[in-house]
N, C-alpha and C. Protein backbone atom coordinates (compact mmCIF):
# COMPACT_ATOMS: atom_id res chain seq x y z
N MET A 1 53.59 3.50 11.72
CA MET A 1 52.10 2.33 10.64
C MET A 1 51.10 1.90 11.23
N ALA A 2 50.11 2.09 10.66
CA ALA A 2 48.79 1.46 10.92
C ALA A 2 48.93 0.26 11.73
N LYS A 3 48.06 -0.34 12.04
CA LYS A 3 47.66 -1.33 12.80
C LYS A 3 46.58 -1.89 11.94
N GLU A 4 46.68 -2.89 11.36
CA GLU A 4 45.18 -3.49 10.40
C GLU A 4 44.75 -4.65 11.45
N ILE A 5 43.37 -4.02 11.42
CA ILE A 5 42.18 -5.27 12.42
C ILE A 5 41.36 -6.19 11.52
N ARG A 6 40.48 -7.24 12.08
CA ARG A 6 39.62 -7.09 11.13
C ARG A 6 38.32 -7.48 12.98
N ILE A 7 37.15 -7.09 12.40
CA ILE A 7 36.23 -6.84 13.02
C ILE A 7 34.64 -7.62 12.87
N HIS A 8 34.24 -8.35 13.60
CA HIS A 8 33.04 -9.22 13.40
C HIS A 8 31.76 -8.48 13.85
N MET A 9 30.88 -7.80 12.98
CA MET A 9 29.58 -7.48 14.26
C MET A 9 28.17 -7.37 13.68
N HIS A 10 27.53 -7.83 14.55
CA HIS A 10 25.87 -7.84 14.71
C HIS A 10 25.62 -6.69 15.50
N VAL A 11 24.62 -6.27 14.34
CA VAL A 11 23.82 -4.79 15.11
C VAL A 11 22.07 -5.54 14.96
N TYR A 12 21.43 -5.07 15.97
CA TYR A 12 20.23 -5.94 16.29
C TYR A 12 19.35 -4.20 16.72
N GLY A 13 17.84 -4.65 16.43
CA GLY A 13 16.99 -3.25 16.24
C GLY A 13 16.24 -2.88 15.57
N MET A 14 15.79 -1.88 14.98
CA MET A 14 15.13 -1.79 13.61
C MET A 14 16.49 -1.58 12.92
N VAL A 15 16.90 -1.98 12.13
CA VAL A 15 18.21 -1.74 11.23
C VAL A 15 18.22 -1.97 10.18
N GLN A 16 17.22 -2.92 9.44
CA GLN A 16 16.57 -3.02 8.17
C GLN A 16 15.20 -2.51 7.77
N GLY A 17 15.86 -1.86 6.23
CA GLY A 17 14.76 -1.14 5.68
C GLY A 17 14.98 0.36 6.23
N VAL A 18 16.57 0.90 6.79
CA VAL A 18 16.31 2.24 7.04
C VAL A 18 17.97 2.71 6.32
N PHE A 19 18.62 1.76 5.50
CA PHE A 19 19.64 2.09 4.50
C PHE A 19 20.82 1.60 5.38
N PHE A 20 20.67 1.10 6.18
CA PHE A 20 21.61 0.84 7.24
C PHE A 20 23.02 0.34 6.36
N ARG A 21 22.55 -0.62 5.48
CA ARG A 21 23.75 -1.28 4.81
C ARG A 21 24.59 -0.26 3.72
N ALA A 22 23.31 0.09 3.31
CA ALA A 22 24.19 1.55 1.93
C ALA A 22 24.69 2.40 3.07
N ASN A 23 24.73 2.87 3.89
CA ASN A 23 25.27 4.28 4.80
C ASN A 23 26.46 2.99 5.10
N MET A 24 26.40 2.19 5.64
CA MET A 24 27.62 1.42 5.89
C MET A 24 28.54 1.60 5.15
N ARG A 25 28.38 0.72 3.88
CA ARG A 25 28.80 1.07 2.31
C ARG A 25 29.86 1.93 2.39
N GLU A 26 29.18 3.17 2.27
CA GLU A 26 29.75 4.75 2.20
C GLU A 26 30.91 4.87 2.88
N ARG A 27 30.28 4.89 4.07
CA ARG A 27 30.97 5.26 4.94
C ARG A 27 32.46 4.55 4.75
N ALA A 28 32.50 2.90 5.14
CA ALA A 28 33.65 2.38 4.92
C ALA A 28 34.26 2.25 4.07
N ARG A 29 33.76 2.96 2.49
CA ARG A 29 34.40 3.09 1.24
C ARG A 29 35.39 4.46 1.63
N ARG A 30 34.58 5.09 2.39
CA ARG A 30 34.98 6.98 2.28
C ARG A 30 36.33 6.60 3.25
N LEU A 31 36.45 5.56 4.50
CA LEU A 31 37.50 5.37 5.15
C LEU A 31 38.90 4.19 4.87
N GLY A 32 38.26 3.82 3.63
CA GLY A 32 39.38 2.93 3.23
C GLY A 32 39.37 1.47 3.74
N LEU A 33 38.13 1.08 4.36
CA LEU A 33 38.01 -0.13 4.97
C LEU A 33 37.36 -1.16 4.10
N LYS A 34 37.51 -2.20 4.50
CA LYS A 34 37.46 -3.45 3.51
C LYS A 34 36.39 -4.80 4.20
N GLY A 35 35.58 -5.00 3.07
CA GLY A 35 34.51 -5.86 3.82
C GLY A 35 33.18 -6.28 3.73
N TRP A 36 32.24 -6.32 4.19
CA TRP A 36 31.13 -7.07 3.94
C TRP A 36 29.69 -6.50 4.49
N VAL A 37 28.66 -6.39 4.42
CA VAL A 37 27.82 -5.91 5.02
C VAL A 37 26.25 -6.92 4.24
N ARG A 38 25.54 -7.39 5.26
CA ARG A 38 24.48 -8.01 4.95
C ARG A 38 23.24 -7.74 5.90
N ASN A 39 21.76 -8.05 5.59
CA ASN A 39 20.74 -8.44 6.38
C ASN A 39 20.79 -9.64 6.71
N LEU A 40 20.20 -10.27 7.93
CA LEU A 40 19.95 -11.28 8.38
C LEU A 40 18.64 -11.82 8.80
N SER A 41 18.16 -12.46 8.43
CA SER A 41 16.55 -13.03 8.23
C SER A 41 16.11 -13.14 9.69
N ASP A 42 16.74 -13.02 11.15
CA ASP A 42 16.43 -12.46 12.27
C ASP A 42 15.92 -10.86 12.31
N GLY A 43 16.19 -9.94 11.00
CA GLY A 43 16.37 -8.84 11.53
C GLY A 43 17.33 -7.58 11.75
N SER A 44 18.41 -8.32 11.83
CA SER A 44 19.54 -8.18 12.32
C SER A 44 20.75 -7.51 10.71
N VAL A 45 21.64 -7.03 11.54
CA VAL A 45 22.84 -6.89 10.31
C VAL A 45 23.75 -7.26 10.38
N GLU A 46 24.43 -8.04 9.89
CA GLU A 46 25.97 -8.54 9.96
C GLU A 46 26.81 -7.75 9.28
N ALA A 47 28.18 -7.67 9.88
CA ALA A 47 29.43 -6.98 8.94
C ALA A 47 30.43 -7.30 9.24
N VAL A 48 31.43 -8.01 8.57
CA VAL A 48 32.94 -8.12 8.59
C VAL A 48 33.63 -7.31 7.69
N ILE A 49 34.42 -6.57 9.01
CA ILE A 49 35.09 -5.36 8.35
C ILE A 49 36.70 -5.49 8.29
N GLU A 50 37.29 -4.77 7.73
CA GLU A 50 38.88 -5.36 8.12
C GLU A 50 39.96 -3.99 7.56
N GLY A 51 40.74 -3.29 8.22
CA GLY A 51 40.97 -2.30 7.88
C GLY A 51 42.01 -1.19 9.33
N ASP A 52 42.42 -0.21 8.98
CA ASP A 52 43.16 0.73 9.62
C ASP A 52 42.39 0.65 10.96
N GLU A 53 43.53 0.19 12.13
CA GLU A 53 42.19 0.34 13.60
C GLU A 53 41.57 1.97 14.19
N GLU A 54 42.65 2.98 13.58
CA GLU A 54 41.72 3.88 14.25
C GLU A 54 40.71 4.85 13.19
N LYS A 55 40.31 3.86 11.85
CA LYS A 55 39.28 4.55 10.87
C LYS A 55 38.47 3.41 11.53
N MET A 56 38.81 2.35 11.47
CA MET A 56 37.68 1.25 12.02
C MET A 56 36.76 1.76 13.29
N GLU A 57 37.55 2.18 14.52
CA GLU A 57 37.23 3.33 15.31
C GLU A 57 35.84 4.23 15.23
N GLU A 58 36.28 4.66 14.12
CA GLU A 58 35.06 5.81 13.89
C GLU A 58 33.82 4.88 13.08
N LEU A 59 34.04 3.76 12.55
CA LEU A 59 33.03 3.00 11.47
C LEU A 59 32.11 2.25 12.99
N ILE A 60 33.27 1.74 14.02
CA ILE A 60 32.36 1.39 15.23
C ILE A 60 30.94 2.13 15.98
N ARG A 61 31.75 3.40 16.06
CA ARG A 61 30.94 4.52 16.79
C ARG A 61 29.91 4.49 16.15
N TRP A 62 29.66 4.96 14.58
CA TRP A 62 28.70 4.75 13.69
C TRP A 62 27.87 3.99 14.05
N ALA A 63 28.55 2.60 13.62
CA ALA A 63 27.33 1.44 13.71
C ALA A 63 26.61 1.23 15.03
N ALA A 64 26.80 1.61 15.98
CA ALA A 64 26.57 1.51 17.45
C ALA A 64 25.29 2.41 17.29
N ARG A 65 25.15 3.46 16.63
CA ARG A 65 24.29 4.75 16.35
C ARG A 65 23.14 4.17 15.39
N GLY A 66 23.98 4.21 14.08
CA GLY A 66 23.00 3.62 12.85
C GLY A 66 22.72 4.88 12.13
N PRO A 67 22.26 4.87 11.02
CA PRO A 67 21.73 5.99 10.27
C PRO A 67 20.40 7.12 10.98
N PRO A 68 19.90 7.95 10.34
CA PRO A 68 18.46 8.64 11.06
C PRO A 68 17.91 7.65 11.35
N LEU A 69 17.27 6.61 10.59
CA LEU A 69 16.04 6.00 10.49
C LEU A 69 16.54 5.07 11.78
N ALA A 70 17.30 4.46 12.01
CA ALA A 70 17.71 3.09 12.64
C ALA A 70 17.53 3.45 13.99
N ARG A 71 17.37 1.93 14.43
CA ARG A 71 17.06 2.32 16.37
C ARG A 71 17.87 1.27 16.54
N VAL A 72 19.18 1.35 16.99
CA VAL A 72 19.79 0.00 17.49
C VAL A 72 19.92 -0.01 18.94
N GLU A 73 19.37 -1.78 19.15
CA GLU A 73 19.00 -2.11 20.60
C GLU A 73 20.25 -2.35 21.46
N ARG A 74 21.03 -3.44 19.97
CA ARG A 74 22.16 -4.16 20.55
C ARG A 74 23.01 -4.29 19.91
N PHE A 75 24.33 -4.25 20.49
CA PHE A 75 25.47 -3.98 19.01
C PHE A 75 26.52 -5.12 19.79
N GLU A 76 26.99 -5.97 18.85
CA GLU A 76 27.73 -6.85 19.12
C GLU A 76 29.24 -6.99 18.44
N MET A 77 30.38 -7.21 18.76
CA MET A 77 31.51 -7.01 17.99
C MET A 77 32.52 -8.02 18.33
N LYS A 78 33.45 -8.49 17.68
CA LYS A 78 34.42 -9.70 18.18
C LYS A 78 35.64 -9.16 17.04
N ARG A 79 36.85 -8.90 17.71
CA ARG A 79 37.81 -8.93 16.92
C ARG A 79 38.17 -10.12 16.37
N GLU A 80 38.78 -10.68 14.54
CA GLU A 80 39.31 -11.98 14.69
C GLU A 80 40.84 -11.77 14.09
N GLU A 81 41.01 -12.84 13.84
CA GLU A 81 42.57 -12.56 12.83
C GLU A 81 42.23 -11.80 11.51
N TYR A 82 43.45 -10.69 11.88
CA TYR A 82 43.35 -10.16 10.19
C TYR A 82 43.61 -11.21 8.94
N GLU A 83 42.83 -11.16 8.10
CA GLU A 83 43.25 -12.22 7.12
C GLU A 83 43.37 -10.93 5.45
N GLY A 84 43.11 -10.01 5.41
CA GLY A 84 43.21 -9.10 4.39
C GLY A 84 42.71 -9.95 3.20
N GLU A 85 41.38 -10.36 3.56
CA GLU A 85 41.24 -11.09 2.14
C GLU A 85 39.69 -10.12 1.11
N PHE A 86 39.79 -8.93 1.42
CA PHE A 86 38.78 -8.11 0.60
C PHE A 86 39.09 -6.95 -0.19
N LYS A 87 38.79 -7.07 -1.44
CA LYS A 87 39.27 -5.63 -2.38
C LYS A 87 38.74 -4.55 -1.95
N ASP A 88 36.93 -4.64 -1.71
CA ASP A 88 36.44 -3.63 -1.51
C ASP A 88 35.53 -3.88 -0.26
N PHE A 89 34.57 -2.77 -0.10
CA PHE A 89 33.75 -2.90 0.64
C PHE A 89 32.07 -3.56 0.27
N GLU A 90 31.40 -4.37 0.33
CA GLU A 90 30.17 -4.90 -0.35
C GLU A 90 28.90 -5.01 0.32
N ILE A 91 27.70 -4.99 -0.32
CA ILE A 91 26.64 -5.54 0.30
C ILE A 91 26.49 -6.40 -0.17
N ARG A 92 26.33 -7.57 0.91
CA ARG A 92 25.83 -9.11 0.48
C ARG A 92 24.91 -9.17 0.78
N TYR A 93 23.86 -10.60 -0.76
CA TYR A 93 22.37 -10.61 -0.33
C TYR A 93 22.81 -12.17 0.02
N PHE A 94 21.78 -12.71 0.40
CA PHE A 94 21.61 -14.15 0.68
C PHE A 94 21.85 -14.64 -0.60
């Protein structure tokens, strides 16, 4: 049985205006992961994602690099308690 996990991540660098959120949403949905992603006022991107641990690893590897136009300078993440609160993966706005 697949292990469900929850990850909270922050991605820093040139990650806004390069389709980071849209690409993450597409990849997360394709992998069957749930949660959200948003831009922060400091220029970084924040995301909370839940789902299968193996599929999460694939999304984490992608997020540490980002889409082709992004320049990820720093990537931070932490595991949190799985809650199962999401029904889909969405882009959130302020």
